[in-house]
Amino acid sequence: MEEKLRIQIPRVKLGSQGLEVSKLGFGCAGLSGIYNAPLLHEDGCTIMKEVFSKGITFFDTSDLYGDNYDNEIMVGKALKNLPREKVELATKFGIKRLKGLQFEVIGTPEYVRQCCEASLKRLDVDYIDLYYQHRVDSSVPIEDTMGELKKLVDEGKIKYIGLSEASVDTIRRAHAVHPITAVQMEYSLWAREIEEDIVPICRELGIGIVAYSPLGRGFFGGKAVVESLPEKSLLFIHPRFTGENLEKNRLIYSRLSNLAAKHACTPAQLALAWLLHQGQDIVPIPGTTKVKNLESNIESLKVKLTEENLKEICDSVPIDEVKGTREYDMFANFVYKLVNTPPN
């Protein structure tokens, strides 16, 4: 009976280059302790196996996540228990951890290849389905970075190329060297900036959009509102989760919560359903360490919204009332090259 009631997660084309993924993806970063304590590899693998069993096949990681590349290593272990040909594996390169909260963005051809080879070994796979430049190195022409990525495609080490947090100009120039399959951007009810320029350019060029932090770093799931933040969570330094900003943002959560009650769902489900209604070319990648949250996220696929509903949801989270900068702007303060040179 349980099997018959399982929600079938749709398959969608991500971009126009042939990649097909589950409409909901899974962000793996949290398994290595960004917002909570890091999971033991055995527990992280169990979560990933559960994710796959429910029909989510698109897994997103990076060589940045976790200490000593912990997340890629964990994902690699999990893949040993999954049919590789039925998994769409995405990872990223380009942000080098220096010390503490100091990072460097590197996009030289040599570094591209070095990172790809290292990720292949850590993941213990023959190829990566979708390989992103995690952040654009403004000191290296994007054409040079893309040239090396194109070689990796030709060699069969990666299948598709992605960019993360790239500008319109960078996307256009990169796409001219080799087709970009997906652009990964923060996109949620309280991070809608990409609707102005990134979404239009991606649709013009046939590029898919992968929405990271679709639940606002867990805010729309109740983090710091109905549940306290875990000890040592990086959200303690996130501008939207601190001080007066948090107090004002809680009012937004309250409005969304009241609206969710009308739709007989949770605030998180409503926030995710809103994003799922923004287009077939948009694939959210919520992450979690709890099976109950995973199941709740999947349930958002059942929430049906009209144009009037969508407007009402947007109006409940006015962008000009969201307090605090989004994480990308905060992160830039800790990254060499993102702030010391002009945008690429």
Protein backbone atom coordinates (compact mmCIF):
# COMPACT_ATOMS: atom_id res chain seq x y z
CA MET A 1 0.00 0.00 0.00
CA GLU A 2 2.80 2.40 0.92
CA GLU A 3 4.42 1.93 -2.49
CA LYS A 4 1.18 2.85 -4.30
CA LEU A 5 0.89 6.07 -2.30
CA ARG A 6 4.44 7.16 -3.05
CA ILE A 7 4.67 10.44 -4.91
CA GLN A 8 6.16 10.02 -8.35
CA ILE A 9 8.82 12.68 -8.78
CA PRO A 10 8.71 14.00 -12.35
CA ARG A 11 11.75 13.91 -14.63
CA VAL A 12 12.65 17.15 -16.38
CA LYS A 13 15.22 18.28 -18.91
CA LEU A 14 17.86 20.49 -17.30
CA GLY A 15 19.03 22.78 -20.05
CA SER A 16 18.92 21.91 -23.72
CA GLN A 17 22.03 19.73 -23.97
CA GLY A 18 20.41 16.41 -23.03
CA LEU A 19 20.69 16.19 -19.25
CA GLU A 20 17.56 14.85 -17.56
CA VAL A 21 17.14 14.99 -13.78
CA SER A 22 14.51 14.55 -11.08
CA LYS A 23 12.41 17.72 -10.64
CA LEU A 24 13.63 17.86 -7.05
CA GLY A 25 17.33 17.46 -6.43
CA PHE A 26 19.22 16.91 -3.19
CA GLY A 27 21.83 19.30 -1.83
CA CYS A 28 24.43 17.22 0.00
CA ALA A 29 26.40 20.01 1.72
CA GLY A 30 24.46 19.85 4.98
CA LEU A 31 25.46 16.22 5.51
CA SER A 32 28.96 17.49 6.28
CA GLY A 33 27.96 20.00 8.91
CA ILE A 34 27.33 23.46 7.50
CA TYR A 35 24.21 24.08 9.56
CA ASN A 36 24.24 21.08 11.91
CA ALA A 37 26.82 18.71 13.31
CA PRO A 38 28.41 16.67 10.49
CA LEU A 39 27.00 13.18 10.04
CA LEU A 40 29.04 10.04 10.23
CA HIS A 41 29.58 8.73 6.70
CA GLU A 42 27.43 5.70 7.45
CA ASP A 43 24.52 7.93 8.44
CA GLY A 44 25.00 10.26 5.48
CA CYS A 45 25.02 7.30 3.10
CA THR A 46 21.81 6.03 4.67
CA ILE A 47 20.13 9.39 4.04
CA MET A 48 21.30 9.43 0.41
CA LYS A 49 20.04 5.90 -0.13
CA GLU A 50 16.66 6.97 1.26
CA VAL A 51 16.65 10.03 -1.02
CA PHE A 52 17.28 7.84 -4.06
CA SER A 53 14.66 5.29 -3.04
CA LYS A 54 12.04 8.04 -3.07
CA GLY A 55 12.83 9.05 -6.65
CA ILE A 56 15.34 11.88 -6.24
CA THR A 57 18.30 11.08 -8.46
CA PHE A 58 20.04 14.46 -8.78
CA PHE A 59 22.76 14.87 -6.12
CA ASP A 60 24.73 18.09 -5.64
CA THR A 61 28.08 18.34 -3.84
CA SER A 62 31.35 20.32 -4.09
CA ASP A 63 35.02 19.97 -3.29
CA LEU A 64 34.47 22.83 -0.82
CA TYR A 65 31.95 21.11 1.44
CA GLY A 66 33.15 19.67 4.72
CA ASP A 67 36.62 19.50 6.21
CA ASN A 68 39.20 17.74 4.07
CA TYR A 69 36.76 17.20 1.19
CA ASP A 70 34.47 15.23 3.50
CA ASN A 71 31.31 15.66 1.44
CA GLU A 72 32.67 14.35 -1.85
CA ILE A 73 34.19 11.38 -0.03
CA MET A 74 30.86 10.64 1.67
CA VAL A 75 28.92 10.98 -1.58
CA GLY A 76 31.39 8.65 -3.26
CA LYS A 77 30.76 6.02 -0.61
CA ALA A 78 26.99 6.40 -1.01
CA LEU A 79 27.23 5.95 -4.77
CA LYS A 80 28.71 2.49 -4.24
CA ASN A 81 25.25 1.37 -3.10
CA LEU A 82 23.35 3.08 -5.91
CA PRO A 83 23.11 2.33 -9.63
CA ARG A 84 25.55 4.89 -11.06
CA GLU A 85 23.78 5.11 -14.42
CA LYS A 86 20.57 6.23 -12.69
CA VAL A 87 22.21 9.02 -10.69
CA GLU A 88 22.86 12.55 -11.94
CA LEU A 89 25.96 13.64 -10.04
CA ALA A 90 26.92 17.30 -9.80
CA THR A 91 29.99 18.71 -8.11
CA LYS A 92 31.91 21.98 -8.23
CA PHE A 93 35.38 23.47 -8.24
CA GLY A 94 36.87 26.92 -7.93
CA ILE A 95 36.83 27.92 -4.26
CA LYS A 96 39.99 27.02 -2.38
CA ARG A 97 39.86 27.01 1.41
CA LEU A 98 42.80 28.91 2.91
CA LYS A 99 42.43 29.07 6.69
CA GLY A 100 39.51 29.70 8.98
CA LEU A 101 36.86 31.55 6.99
CA GLN A 102 39.30 32.71 4.32
CA PHE A 103 38.91 31.43 0.76
CA GLU A 104 40.36 32.05 -2.68
CA VAL A 105 38.60 31.79 -6.02
CA ILE A 106 40.73 30.18 -8.73
CA GLY A 107 39.69 29.56 -12.33
CA THR A 108 42.94 28.91 -14.17
CA PRO A 109 42.92 26.04 -16.68
CA GLU A 110 45.51 24.19 -14.62
CA TYR A 111 43.38 24.42 -11.50
CA VAL A 112 40.25 23.32 -13.36
CA ARG A 113 41.93 20.09 -14.42
CA GLN A 114 43.58 19.52 -11.06
CA CYS A 115 40.26 19.85 -9.26
CA CYS A 116 38.38 17.64 -11.69
CA GLU A 117 40.92 14.84 -11.45
CA ALA A 118 40.85 15.08 -7.63
CA SER A 119 37.04 15.02 -7.48
CA LEU A 120 36.88 11.98 -9.75
CA LYS A 121 39.19 10.14 -7.35
CA ARG A 122 37.36 11.20 -4.19
CA LEU A 123 33.97 10.35 -5.68
CA ASP A 124 35.50 7.19 -7.14
CA VAL A 125 33.64 7.61 -10.45
CA ASP A 126 34.67 7.60 -14.10
CA TYR A 127 32.77 10.76 -14.97
CA ILE A 128 30.87 13.67 -13.42
CA ASP A 129 27.46 14.40 -14.94
CA LEU A 130 27.42 18.15 -14.23
CA TYR A 131 30.59 20.05 -13.30
CA TYR A 132 30.16 23.63 -12.07
CA GLN A 133 32.53 26.50 -11.64
CA HIS A 134 31.52 27.27 -8.05
CA ARG A 135 32.44 30.95 -8.25
CA VAL A 136 33.83 32.91 -11.18
CA ASP A 137 37.48 33.95 -10.93
CA SER A 138 37.40 37.57 -12.05
CA SER A 139 41.17 37.58 -12.71
CA VAL A 140 40.95 34.85 -15.37
CA PRO A 141 39.03 35.32 -18.63
CA ILE A 142 36.00 33.04 -18.51
CA GLU A 143 36.98 31.86 -22.01
CA ASP A 144 40.17 30.32 -20.56
CA THR A 145 38.29 28.49 -17.80
CA MET A 146 35.68 27.25 -20.23
CA GLY A 147 38.31 26.11 -22.69
CA GLU A 148 39.65 23.62 -20.16
CA LEU A 149 36.16 22.50 -19.17
CA LYS A 150 35.43 21.87 -22.85
CA LYS A 151 38.52 19.63 -23.01
CA LEU A 152 37.24 17.66 -20.02
CA VAL A 153 33.93 17.14 -21.83
CA ASP A 154 35.78 15.98 -24.93
CA GLU A 155 37.75 13.53 -22.79
CA GLY A 156 34.57 12.12 -21.23
CA LYS A 157 35.53 13.13 -17.69
CA ILE A 158 32.53 15.43 -17.38
CA LYS A 159 29.30 15.34 -19.38
CA TYR A 160 27.88 18.82 -18.89
CA ILE A 161 29.17 22.21 -17.73
CA GLY A 162 27.59 24.52 -15.18
CA LEU A 163 28.24 27.91 -13.61
CA SER A 164 27.30 29.13 -10.14
CA GLU A 165 26.54 32.73 -9.16
CA ALA A 166 27.66 34.04 -12.55
CA SER A 167 26.71 37.36 -14.15
CA VAL A 168 24.73 37.73 -17.37
CA ASP A 169 27.87 38.76 -19.28
CA THR A 170 29.83 35.78 -17.95
CA ILE A 171 27.05 33.36 -18.82
CA ARG A 172 26.82 34.68 -22.37
CA ARG A 173 30.58 34.60 -22.93
CA ALA A 174 30.96 31.15 -21.38
CA HIS A 175 28.10 29.76 -23.44
CA ALA A 176 29.81 30.97 -26.62
CA VAL A 177 32.83 28.73 -25.86
CA HIS A 178 30.78 25.63 -24.97
CA PRO A 179 27.07 25.28 -24.19
CA ILE A 180 26.27 25.77 -20.52
CA THR A 181 23.75 23.23 -19.25
CA ALA A 182 22.84 24.80 -15.92
CA VAL A 183 23.39 27.89 -13.81
CA GLN A 184 23.13 27.41 -10.08
CA MET A 185 21.87 30.43 -8.13
CA GLU A 186 20.34 31.10 -4.75
CA TYR A 187 16.60 31.27 -5.42
CA SER A 188 13.81 31.25 -2.89
CA LEU A 189 10.96 33.43 -1.69
CA TRP A 190 13.42 35.76 0.01
CA ALA A 191 16.09 35.64 -2.72
CA ARG A 192 14.37 36.53 -6.01
CA GLU A 193 16.99 38.79 -7.60
CA ILE A 194 17.67 36.34 -10.42
CA GLU A 195 14.20 36.91 -11.86
CA GLU A 196 15.35 40.25 -13.27
CA ASP A 197 18.24 39.15 -15.47
CA ILE A 198 19.56 35.62 -14.85
CA VAL A 199 16.30 33.78 -15.54
CA PRO A 200 15.72 35.64 -18.83
CA ILE A 201 19.26 35.04 -20.16
CA CYS A 202 19.10 31.35 -19.20
CA ARG A 203 15.79 30.94 -21.00
CA GLU A 204 17.12 32.77 -24.03
CA LEU A 205 20.12 30.42 -24.25
CA GLY A 206 18.34 27.19 -23.23
CA ILE A 207 20.14 26.89 -19.88
CA GLY A 208 18.53 25.21 -16.86
CA ILE A 209 18.45 26.85 -13.44
CA VAL A 210 19.36 24.97 -10.27
CA ALA A 211 18.01 26.73 -7.19
CA TYR A 212 20.18 26.33 -4.13
CA SER A 213 18.95 27.23 -0.63
CA PRO A 214 15.33 27.04 -1.87
CA LEU A 215 14.09 27.17 1.72
CA GLY A 216 16.20 30.17 2.69
CA ARG A 217 18.87 28.17 4.55
CA GLY A 218 16.07 26.42 6.39
CA PHE A 219 14.35 29.64 7.48
CA PHE A 220 11.08 28.66 5.79
CA GLY A 221 11.38 25.30 7.51
CA GLY A 222 11.39 27.12 10.85
CA LYS A 223 15.10 27.43 11.65
CA ALA A 224 15.61 30.16 14.27
CA VAL A 225 11.83 30.68 14.33
CA VAL A 226 10.09 27.59 15.68
CA GLU A 227 13.31 25.71 16.41
CA SER A 228 16.60 27.01 17.76
CA LEU A 229 19.77 26.94 15.70
CA PRO A 230 22.10 24.01 16.36
CA GLU A 231 25.28 24.78 18.24
CA LYS A 232 28.15 25.94 15.99
CA SER A 233 25.80 26.47 13.03
CA LEU A 234 27.19 28.94 10.49
CA LEU A 235 23.75 30.54 10.49
CA PHE A 236 24.78 32.31 13.69
CA ILE A 237 26.80 34.69 11.51
CA HIS A 238 24.29 34.91 8.66
CA PRO A 239 22.90 38.47 8.48
CA ARG A 240 19.31 37.26 8.08
CA PHE A 241 19.47 35.06 11.16
CA THR A 242 20.93 37.55 13.63
CA GLY A 243 19.73 40.32 15.91
CA GLU A 244 17.13 42.78 14.76
CA ASN A 245 17.12 41.33 11.25
CA LEU A 246 15.94 37.98 12.57
CA GLU A 247 13.20 39.57 14.65
CA LYS A 248 11.81 41.38 11.60
CA ASN A 249 12.18 38.33 9.35
CA ARG A 250 10.14 36.30 11.83
CA LEU A 251 7.16 38.44 10.88
CA ILE A 252 7.57 37.24 7.29
CA TYR A 253 7.60 33.64 8.47
CA SER A 254 4.43 34.27 10.45
CA ARG A 255 2.61 35.62 7.37
CA LEU A 256 3.73 32.66 5.25
CA SER A 257 2.70 30.27 8.00
CA ASN A 258 -0.82 31.71 8.04
CA LEU A 259 -1.00 31.36 4.28
CA ALA A 260 0.28 27.78 4.41
CA ALA A 261 -2.53 26.87 6.78
CA LYS A 262 -5.02 27.87 4.09
CA HIS A 263 -3.34 25.44 1.69
CA ALA A 264 -3.23 22.67 4.29
CA CYS A 265 0.56 22.46 4.14
CA THR A 266 3.60 23.63 6.06
CA PRO A 267 5.42 26.94 5.39
CA ALA A 268 8.35 24.97 3.96
CA GLN A 269 6.08 23.06 1.60
CA LEU A 270 4.42 26.26 0.44
CA ALA A 271 7.77 27.97 -0.15
CA LEU A 272 9.04 24.97 -2.12
CA ALA A 273 5.78 24.60 -4.04
CA TRP A 274 6.00 28.25 -5.04
CA LEU A 275 9.47 27.61 -6.47
CA LEU A 276 8.37 24.44 -8.25
CA HIS A 277 5.69 26.51 -10.00
CA GLN A 278 8.23 28.99 -11.43
CA GLY A 279 8.98 26.80 -14.44
CA GLN A 280 9.98 23.34 -15.60
CA ASP A 281 13.50 24.65 -16.20
CA ILE A 282 14.00 25.37 -12.49
CA VAL A 283 15.18 22.52 -10.25
CA PRO A 284 15.40 23.17 -6.49
CA ILE A 285 17.96 21.20 -4.47
CA PRO A 286 16.86 21.30 -0.82
CA GLY A 287 19.04 19.35 1.58
CA THR A 288 18.36 17.81 4.96
CA THR A 289 19.75 15.35 7.47
CA LYS A 290 16.30 14.12 8.52
CA VAL A 291 14.08 11.66 6.65
CA LYS A 292 10.93 13.41 7.90
CA ASN A 293 12.09 16.66 6.28
CA LEU A 294 12.91 14.82 3.08
CA GLU A 295 9.40 13.38 2.99
CA SER A 296 7.91 16.79 3.73
CA ASN A 297 9.87 18.36 0.86
CA ILE A 298 8.59 15.71 -1.54
CA GLU A 299 5.03 16.36 -0.38
CA SER A 300 5.38 19.91 -1.73
CA LEU A 301 4.98 18.42 -5.21
CA LYS A 302 1.32 17.81 -4.37
CA VAL A 303 0.60 21.47 -3.56
CA LYS A 304 -1.18 23.02 -6.55
CA LEU A 305 -1.15 26.79 -6.90
CA THR A 306 -2.97 29.21 -9.19
CA GLU A 307 -1.51 32.46 -10.53
CA GLU A 308 -3.50 34.26 -7.86
CA ASN A 309 -2.04 31.96 -5.20
CA LEU A 310 1.48 32.61 -6.46
CA LYS A 311 1.00 36.36 -6.28
CA GLU A 312 -0.43 36.11 -2.78
CA ILE A 313 2.60 34.08 -1.68
CA CYS A 314 5.00 36.62 -3.17
CA ASP A 315 3.12 39.45 -1.50
CA SER A 316 3.45 37.70 1.86
CA VAL A 317 7.24 37.90 1.54
CA PRO A 318 7.94 41.40 0.19
CA ILE A 319 11.58 41.55 -0.87
CA ASP A 320 12.02 45.06 0.47
CA GLU A 321 10.96 43.84 3.92
CA VAL A 322 13.53 41.03 4.08
CA LYS A 323 16.26 42.18 6.45
CA GLY A 324 19.93 41.32 6.00
CA THR A 325 22.01 40.55 2.94
CA ARG A 326 21.88 37.13 1.34
CA GLU A 327 24.74 34.71 1.96
CA TYR A 328 26.56 35.38 -1.32
CA ASP A 329 27.16 39.00 -0.31
CA MET A 330 28.29 37.97 3.16
CA PHE A 331 30.55 35.25 1.76
CA ALA A 332 32.25 37.77 -0.55
CA ASN A 333 33.79 39.43 2.49
CA PHE A 334 35.80 36.28 3.18
CA VAL A 335 36.87 35.56 -0.37
CA TYR A 336 39.94 36.91 -2.11
CA LYS A 337 39.25 37.99 -5.74
CA LEU A 338 35.49 38.27 -5.35
CA VAL A 339 35.93 41.68 -3.77
CA ASN A 340 39.38 42.80 -4.84
CA THR A 341 38.85 42.76 -8.59
CA PRO A 342 36.01 43.83 -10.88
CA PRO A 343 33.37 41.29 -11.90
CA ASN A 344 34.21 39.00 -14.82
